PDB file of N, CA and C in Angstrom:
ATOM      1  N   ASP A   1      29.182 193.032 173.728  1.00  0.00           N
ATOM      2  CA  ASP A   1      27.760 192.747 173.747  1.00  0.00           C
ATOM      3  C   ASP A   1      27.567 191.277 173.396  1.00  0.00           C
ATOM      4  N   GLU A   2      27.143 190.510 174.360  1.00  0.00           N
ATOM      5  CA  GLU A   2      26.993 189.067 174.198  1.00  0.00           C
ATOM      6  C   GLU A   2      26.054 188.706 173.052  1.00  0.00           C
ATOM      7  N   LYS A   3      25.054 189.538 172.811  1.00  0.00           N
ATOM      8  CA  LYS A   3      24.083 189.245 171.749  1.00  0.00           C
ATOM      9  C   LYS A   3      24.702 189.353 170.359  1.00  0.00           C
ATOM     10  N   LEU A   4      25.735 190.156 170.208  1.00  0.00           N
ATOM     11  CA  LEU A   4      26.379 190.341 168.908  1.00  0.00           C
ATOM     12  C   LEU A   4      27.478 189.314 168.632  1.00  0.00           C
ATOM     13  N   CYS A   5      28.018 188.726 169.673  1.00  0.00           N
ATOM     14  CA  CYS A   5      29.157 187.817 169.547  1.00  0.00           C
ATOM     15  C   CYS A   5      28.758 186.514 168.861  1.00  0.00           C
ATOM     16  N   LYS A   6      29.579 186.098 167.876  1.00  0.00           N
ATOM     17  CA  LYS A   6      29.342 184.823 167.207  1.00  0.00           C
ATOM     18  C   LYS A   6      30.361 183.764 167.628  1.00  0.00           C
ATOM     19  N   GLY A   7      31.233 184.118 168.568  1.00  0.00           N
ATOM     20  CA  GLY A   7      32.183 183.159 169.112  1.00  0.00           C
ATOM     21  C   GLY A   7      33.373 182.862 168.223  1.00  0.00           C
ATOM     22  N   CYS A   8      33.828 183.830 167.453  1.00  0.00           N
ATOM     23  CA  CYS A   8      34.972 183.609 166.559  1.00  0.00           C
ATOM     24  C   CYS A   8      36.290 183.500 167.331  1.00  0.00           C
ATOM     25  N   ASN A   9      36.322 184.035 168.545  1.00  0.00           N
ATOM     26  CA  ASN A   9      37.490 183.994 169.435  1.00  0.00           C
ATOM     27  C   ASN A   9      38.702 184.767 168.928  1.00  0.00           C
ATOM     28  N   ILE A  10      38.488 185.713 168.035  1.00  0.00           N
ATOM     29  CA  ILE A  10      39.590 186.572 167.600  1.00  0.00           C
ATOM     30  C   ILE A  10      40.152 187.335 168.799  1.00  0.00           C
ATOM     31  N   CYS A  11      39.283 187.771 169.693  1.00  0.00           N
ATOM     32  CA  CYS A  11      39.744 188.520 170.868  1.00  0.00           C
ATOM     33  C   CYS A  11      40.622 187.664 171.776  1.00  0.00           C
ATOM     34  N   THR A  12      40.295 186.389 171.920  1.00  0.00           N
ATOM     35  CA  THR A  12      41.114 185.527 172.775  1.00  0.00           C
ATOM     36  C   THR A  12      42.469 185.250 172.139  1.00  0.00           C
ATOM     37  N   GLU A  13      42.514 185.191 170.821  1.00  0.00           N
ATOM     38  CA  GLU A  13      43.763 184.898 170.119  1.00  0.00           C
ATOM     39  C   GLU A  13      44.701 186.094 170.035  1.00  0.00           C
ATOM     40  N   PHE A  14      44.149 187.291 169.874  1.00  0.00           N
ATOM     41  CA  PHE A  14      44.989 188.445 169.577  1.00  0.00           C
ATOM     42  C   PHE A  14      45.158 189.445 170.715  1.00  0.00           C
ATOM     43  N   CYS A  15      44.471 189.271 171.828  1.00  0.00           N
ATOM     44  CA  CYS A  15      44.671 190.173 172.962  1.00  0.00           C
ATOM     45  C   CYS A  15      46.102 189.993 173.474  1.00  0.00           C
ATOM     46  N   PRO A  16      46.911 191.054 173.446  1.00  0.00           N
ATOM     47  CA  PRO A  16      48.304 190.915 173.869  1.00  0.00           C
ATOM     48  C   PRO A  16      48.469 190.652 175.367  1.00  0.00           C
ATOM     49  N   HIS A  17      47.389 190.848 176.126  1.00  0.00           N
ATOM     50  CA  HIS A  17      47.468 190.676 177.580  1.00  0.00           C
ATOM     51  C   HIS A  17      46.638 189.499 178.080  1.00  0.00           C
ATOM     52  N   HIS A  18      46.096 188.721 177.156  1.00  0.00           N
ATOM     53  CA  HIS A  18      45.341 187.505 177.474  1.00  0.00           C
ATOM     54  C   HIS A  18      44.212 187.770 178.466  1.00  0.00           C
ATOM     55  N   VAL A  19      43.426 188.786 178.167  1.00  0.00           N
ATOM     56  CA  VAL A  19      42.305 189.167 179.026  1.00  0.00           C
ATOM     57  C   VAL A  19      41.131 188.209 178.844  1.00  0.00           C
ATOM     58  N   TYR A  20      40.874 187.787 177.608  1.00  0.00           N
ATOM     59  CA  TYR A  20      39.692 186.973 177.306  1.00  0.00           C
ATOM     60  C   TYR A  20      39.994 185.483 177.310  1.00  0.00           C
ATOM     61  N   GLU A  21      39.003 184.721 177.798  1.00  0.00           N
ATOM     62  CA  GLU A  21      39.040 183.266 177.748  1.00  0.00           C
ATOM     63  C   GLU A  21      37.680 182.783 177.273  1.00  0.00           C
ATOM     64  N   GLU A  22      37.665 181.632 176.624  1.00  0.00           N
ATOM     65  CA  GLU A  22      36.404 181.084 176.143  1.00  0.00           C
ATOM     66  C   GLU A  22      35.573 180.599 177.325  1.00  0.00           C
ATOM     67  N   SER A  23      34.315 181.000 177.351  1.00  0.00           N
ATOM     68  CA  SER A  23      33.412 180.618 178.427  1.00  0.00           C
ATOM     69  C   SER A  23      32.950 179.174 178.247  1.00  0.00           C
ATOM     70  N   GLU A  24      32.628 178.525 179.336  1.00  0.00           N
ATOM     71  CA  GLU A  24      32.047 177.186 179.263  1.00  0.00           C
ATOM     72  C   GLU A  24      30.554 177.264 178.977  1.00  0.00           C
ATOM     73  N   ASN A  25      29.960 178.432 179.214  1.00  0.00           N
ATOM     74  CA  ASN A  25      28.528 178.614 179.003  1.00  0.00           C
ATOM     75  C   ASN A  25      28.238 178.968 177.551  1.00  0.00           C
ATOM     76  N   LEU A  26      27.057 178.587 177.105  1.00  0.00           N
ATOM     77  CA  LEU A  26      26.614 178.911 175.753  1.00  0.00           C
ATOM     78  C   LEU A  26      25.733 180.150 175.782  1.00  0.00           C
ATOM     79  N   ASN A  27      25.832 180.969 174.730  1.00  0.00           N
ATOM     80  CA  ASN A  27      24.912 182.097 174.632  1.00  0.00           C
ATOM     81  C   ASN A  27      23.652 181.637 173.895  1.00  0.00           C
ATOM     82  N   LYS A  28      22.767 182.553 173.575  1.00  0.00           N
ATOM     83  CA  LYS A  28      21.507 182.188 172.929  1.00  0.00           C
ATOM     84  C   LYS A  28      21.702 181.630 171.525  1.00  0.00           C
ATOM     85  N   LYS A  29      22.847 181.915 170.915  1.00  0.00           N
ATOM     86  CA  LYS A  29      23.151 181.383 169.585  1.00  0.00           C
ATOM     87  C   LYS A  29      23.760 179.982 169.665  1.00  0.00           C
ATOM     88  N   GLY A  30      24.040 179.528 170.886  1.00  0.00           N
ATOM     89  CA  GLY A  30      24.620 178.203 171.076  1.00  0.00           C
ATOM     90  C   GLY A  30      26.125 178.147 170.894  1.00  0.00           C
ATOM     91  N   VAL A  31      26.794 179.273 171.101  1.00  0.00           N
ATOM     92  CA  VAL A  31      28.253 179.299 170.976  1.00  0.00           C
ATOM     93  C   VAL A  31      28.889 179.676 172.313  1.00  0.00           C
ATOM     94  N   HIS A  32      30.100 179.196 172.497  1.00  0.00           N
ATOM     95  CA  HIS A  32      30.876 179.551 173.686  1.00  0.00           C
ATOM     96  C   HIS A  32      31.507 180.907 173.428  1.00  0.00           C
ATOM     97  N   ILE A  33      31.029 181.905 174.119  1.00  0.00           N
ATOM     98  CA  ILE A  33      31.540 183.253 173.883  1.00  0.00           C
ATOM     99  C   ILE A  33      32.743 183.543 174.778  1.00  0.00           C
ATOM    100  N   PRO A  34      33.650 184.374 174.325  1.00  0.00           N
ATOM    101  CA  PRO A  34      34.774 184.789 175.158  1.00  0.00           C
ATOM    102  C   PRO A  34      34.295 185.714 176.277  1.00  0.00           C
ATOM    103  N   VAL A  35      34.899 185.576 177.431  1.00  0.00           N
ATOM    104  CA  VAL A  35      34.576 186.443 178.559  1.00  0.00           C
ATOM    105  C   VAL A  35      35.872 187.034 179.111  1.00  0.00           C
ATOM    106  N   PRO A  36      35.808 188.264 179.615  1.00  0.00           N
ATOM    107  CA  PRO A  36      37.015 188.872 180.190  1.00  0.00           C
ATOM    108  C   PRO A  36      37.304 188.285 181.570  1.00  0.00           C
ATOM    109  N   GLU A  37      38.163 187.287 181.615  1.00  0.00           N
ATOM    110  CA  GLU A  37      38.493 186.603 182.866  1.00  0.00           C
ATOM    111  C   GLU A  37      39.632 187.279 183.617  1.00  0.00           C
ATOM    112  N   ASN A  38      40.416 188.059 182.927  1.00  0.00           N
ATOM    113  CA  ASN A  38      41.597 188.682 183.534  1.00  0.00           C
ATOM    114  C   ASN A  38      41.573 190.186 183.301  1.00  0.00           C
ATOM    115  N   GLU A  39      40.498 190.825 183.713  1.00  0.00           N
ATOM    116  CA  GLU A  39      40.314 192.257 183.444  1.00  0.00           C
ATOM    117  C   GLU A  39      41.417 193.127 184.034  1.00  0.00           C
ATOM    118  N   GLU A  40      42.053 192.671 185.101  1.00  0.00           N
ATOM    119  CA  GLU A  40      43.118 193.468 185.715  1.00  0.00           C
ATOM    120  C   GLU A  40      44.331 193.593 184.792  1.00  0.00           C
ATOM    121  N   ARG A  41      44.436 192.716 183.810  1.00  0.00           N
ATOM    122  CA  ARG A  41      45.535 192.776 182.840  1.00  0.00           C
ATOM    123  C   ARG A  41      45.272 193.775 181.715  1.00  0.00           C
ATOM    124  N   CYS A  42      44.039 194.199 181.563  1.00  0.00           N
ATOM    125  CA  CYS A  42      43.651 195.059 180.442  1.00  0.00           C
ATOM    126  C   CYS A  42      44.337 196.420 180.526  1.00  0.00           C
ATOM    127  N   THR A  43      44.956 196.822 179.427  1.00  0.00           N
ATOM    128  CA  THR A  43      45.602 198.133 179.344  1.00  0.00           C
ATOM    129  C   THR A  43      44.798 199.097 178.474  1.00  0.00           C
ATOM    130  N   LYS A  44      43.614 198.666 178.069  1.00  0.00           N
ATOM    131  CA  LYS A  44      42.710 199.463 177.225  1.00  0.00           C
ATOM    132  C   LYS A  44      43.348 199.811 175.879  1.00  0.00           C
ATOM    133  N   CYS A  45      44.120 198.883 175.339  1.00  0.00           N
ATOM    134  CA  CYS A  45      44.765 199.092 174.038  1.00  0.00           C
ATOM    135  C   CYS A  45      43.766 199.007 172.888  1.00  0.00           C
ATOM    136  N   GLN A  46      42.630 198.391 173.130  1.00  0.00           N
ATOM    137  CA  GLN A  46      41.510 198.279 172.194  1.00  0.00           C
ATOM    138  C   GLN A  46      41.760 197.347 171.013  1.00  0.00           C
ATOM    139  N   VAL A  47      42.767 196.501 171.088  1.00  0.00           N
ATOM    140  CA  VAL A  47      42.990 195.529 170.022  1.00  0.00           C
ATOM    141  C   VAL A  47      41.752 194.650 169.861  1.00  0.00           C
ATOM    142  N   CYS A  48      41.164 194.235 170.961  1.00  0.00           N
ATOM    143  CA  CYS A  48      39.986 193.366 170.902  1.00  0.00           C
ATOM    144  C   CYS A  48      38.824 194.034 170.174  1.00  0.00           C
ATOM    145  N   SER A  49      38.540 195.276 170.509  1.00  0.00           N
ATOM    146  CA  SER A  49      37.407 195.960 169.882  1.00  0.00           C
ATOM    147  C   SER A  49      37.688 196.305 168.422  1.00  0.00           C
ATOM    148  N   LEU A  50      38.930 196.603 168.090  1.00  0.00           N
ATOM    149  CA  LEU A  50      39.280 196.916 166.702  1.00  0.00           C
ATOM    150  C   LEU A  50      39.204 195.689 165.796  1.00  0.00           C
ATOM    151  N   LEU A  51      39.544 194.520 166.328  1.00  0.00           N
ATOM    152  CA  LEU A  51      39.550 193.302 165.519  1.00  0.00           C
ATOM    153  C   LEU A  51      38.220 192.556 165.513  1.00  0.00           C
ATOM    154  N   CYS A  52      37.339 192.851 166.443  1.00  0.00           N
ATOM    155  CA  CYS A  52      36.066 192.127 166.534  1.00  0.00           C
ATOM    156  C   CYS A  52      35.208 192.399 165.291  1.00  0.00           C
ATOM    157  N   PRO A  53      34.930 191.372 164.476  1.00  0.00           N
ATOM    158  CA  PRO A  53      34.161 191.581 163.252  1.00  0.00           C
ATOM    159  C   PRO A  53      32.696 191.908 163.511  1.00  0.00           C
ATOM    160  N   ASP A  54      32.219 191.642 164.716  1.00  0.00           N
ATOM    161  CA  ASP A  54      30.812 191.878 165.046  1.00  0.00           C
ATOM    162  C   ASP A  54      30.600 193.125 165.889  1.00  0.00           C
ATOM    163  N   GLN A  55      31.677 193.842 166.186  1.00  0.00           N
ATOM    164  CA  GLN A  55      31.625 195.037 167.029  1.00  0.00           C
ATOM    165  C   GLN A  55      30.933 194.739 168.361  1.00  0.00           C
ATOM    166  N   ALA A  56      31.254 193.580 168.917  1.00  0.00           N
ATOM    167  CA  ALA A  56      30.635 193.135 170.162  1.00  0.00           C
ATOM    168  C   ALA A  56      31.394 193.609 171.398  1.00  0.00           C
ATOM    169  N   ILE A  57      32.579 194.181 171.211  1.00  0.00           N
ATOM    170  CA  ILE A  57      33.404 194.598 172.344  1.00  0.00           C
ATOM    171  C   ILE A  57      33.568 196.108 172.335  1.00  0.00           C
ATOM    172  N   LYS A  58      33.240 196.709 173.447  1.00  0.00           N
ATOM    173  CA  LYS A  58      33.452 198.141 173.643  1.00  0.00           C
ATOM    174  C   LYS A  58      34.368 198.297 174.850  1.00  0.00           C
ATOM    175  N   VAL A  59      35.463 198.999 174.687  1.00  0.00           N
ATOM    176  CA  VAL A  59      36.414 199.219 175.777  1.00  0.00           C
ATOM    177  C   VAL A  59      36.105 200.561 176.413  1.00  0.00           C
ATOM    178  N   ASP A  60      35.834 200.529 177.717  1.00  0.00           N
ATOM    179  CA  ASP A  60      35.579 201.755 178.467  1.00  0.00           C
ATOM    180  C   ASP A  60      36.920 202.398 178.793  1.00  0.00           C
ATOM    181  N   GLU A  61      37.154 203.570 178.252  1.00  0.00           N
ATOM    182  CA  GLU A  61      38.447 204.233 178.431  1.00  0.00           C
ATOM    183  C   GLU A  61      38.564 204.987 179.745  1.00  0.00           C
ATOM    184  N   GLU A  62      37.483 205.147 180.478  1.00  0.00           N
ATOM    185  CA  GLU A  62      37.524 205.886 181.740  1.00  0.00           C
ATOM    186  C   GLU A  62      38.136 205.035 182.836  1.00  0.00           C
ATOM    187  N   ASP A  63      38.923 205.676 183.677  1.00  0.00           N
ATOM    188  CA  ASP A  63      39.469 204.994 184.845  1.00  0.00           C
ATOM    189  C   ASP A  63      38.388 204.877 185.894  1.00  0.00           C
ATOM    190  N   GLU A  64      38.437 203.796 186.663  1.00  0.00           N
ATOM    191  CA  GLU A  64      37.438 203.580 187.701  1.00  0.00           C
ATOM    192  C   GLU A  64      37.776 204.312 188.984  1.00  0.00           C
ATOM    193  N   ASN A  65      38.913 205.001 189.049  1.00  0.00           N
ATOM    194  CA  ASN A  65      39.321 205.708 190.272  1.00  0.00           C
ATOM    195  C   ASN A  65      38.669 207.051 190.374  1.00  0.00           C
TER     196      ASN A  65
END
C-alpha cells in the first residue's frame, strides 16, 4: 500500500529474489517508494511483507492461472 510506505527500502535490501527497486517517482509523503519491478522473480516467500515495518506490502498467495 503506497500510502503506508515510508520508503525505508527494507524490502529492496532483503528480498532474496530482488523483486523491488526504488522508484524514481515520489509518493505523497515525498519519498521514493520501492516498486515491484521484477514480479516474475517473486516466489511468494513473503520476506518483504514480514519485514515491512509499516505493513505496506501484502503478498497475494493465489496463482494467476
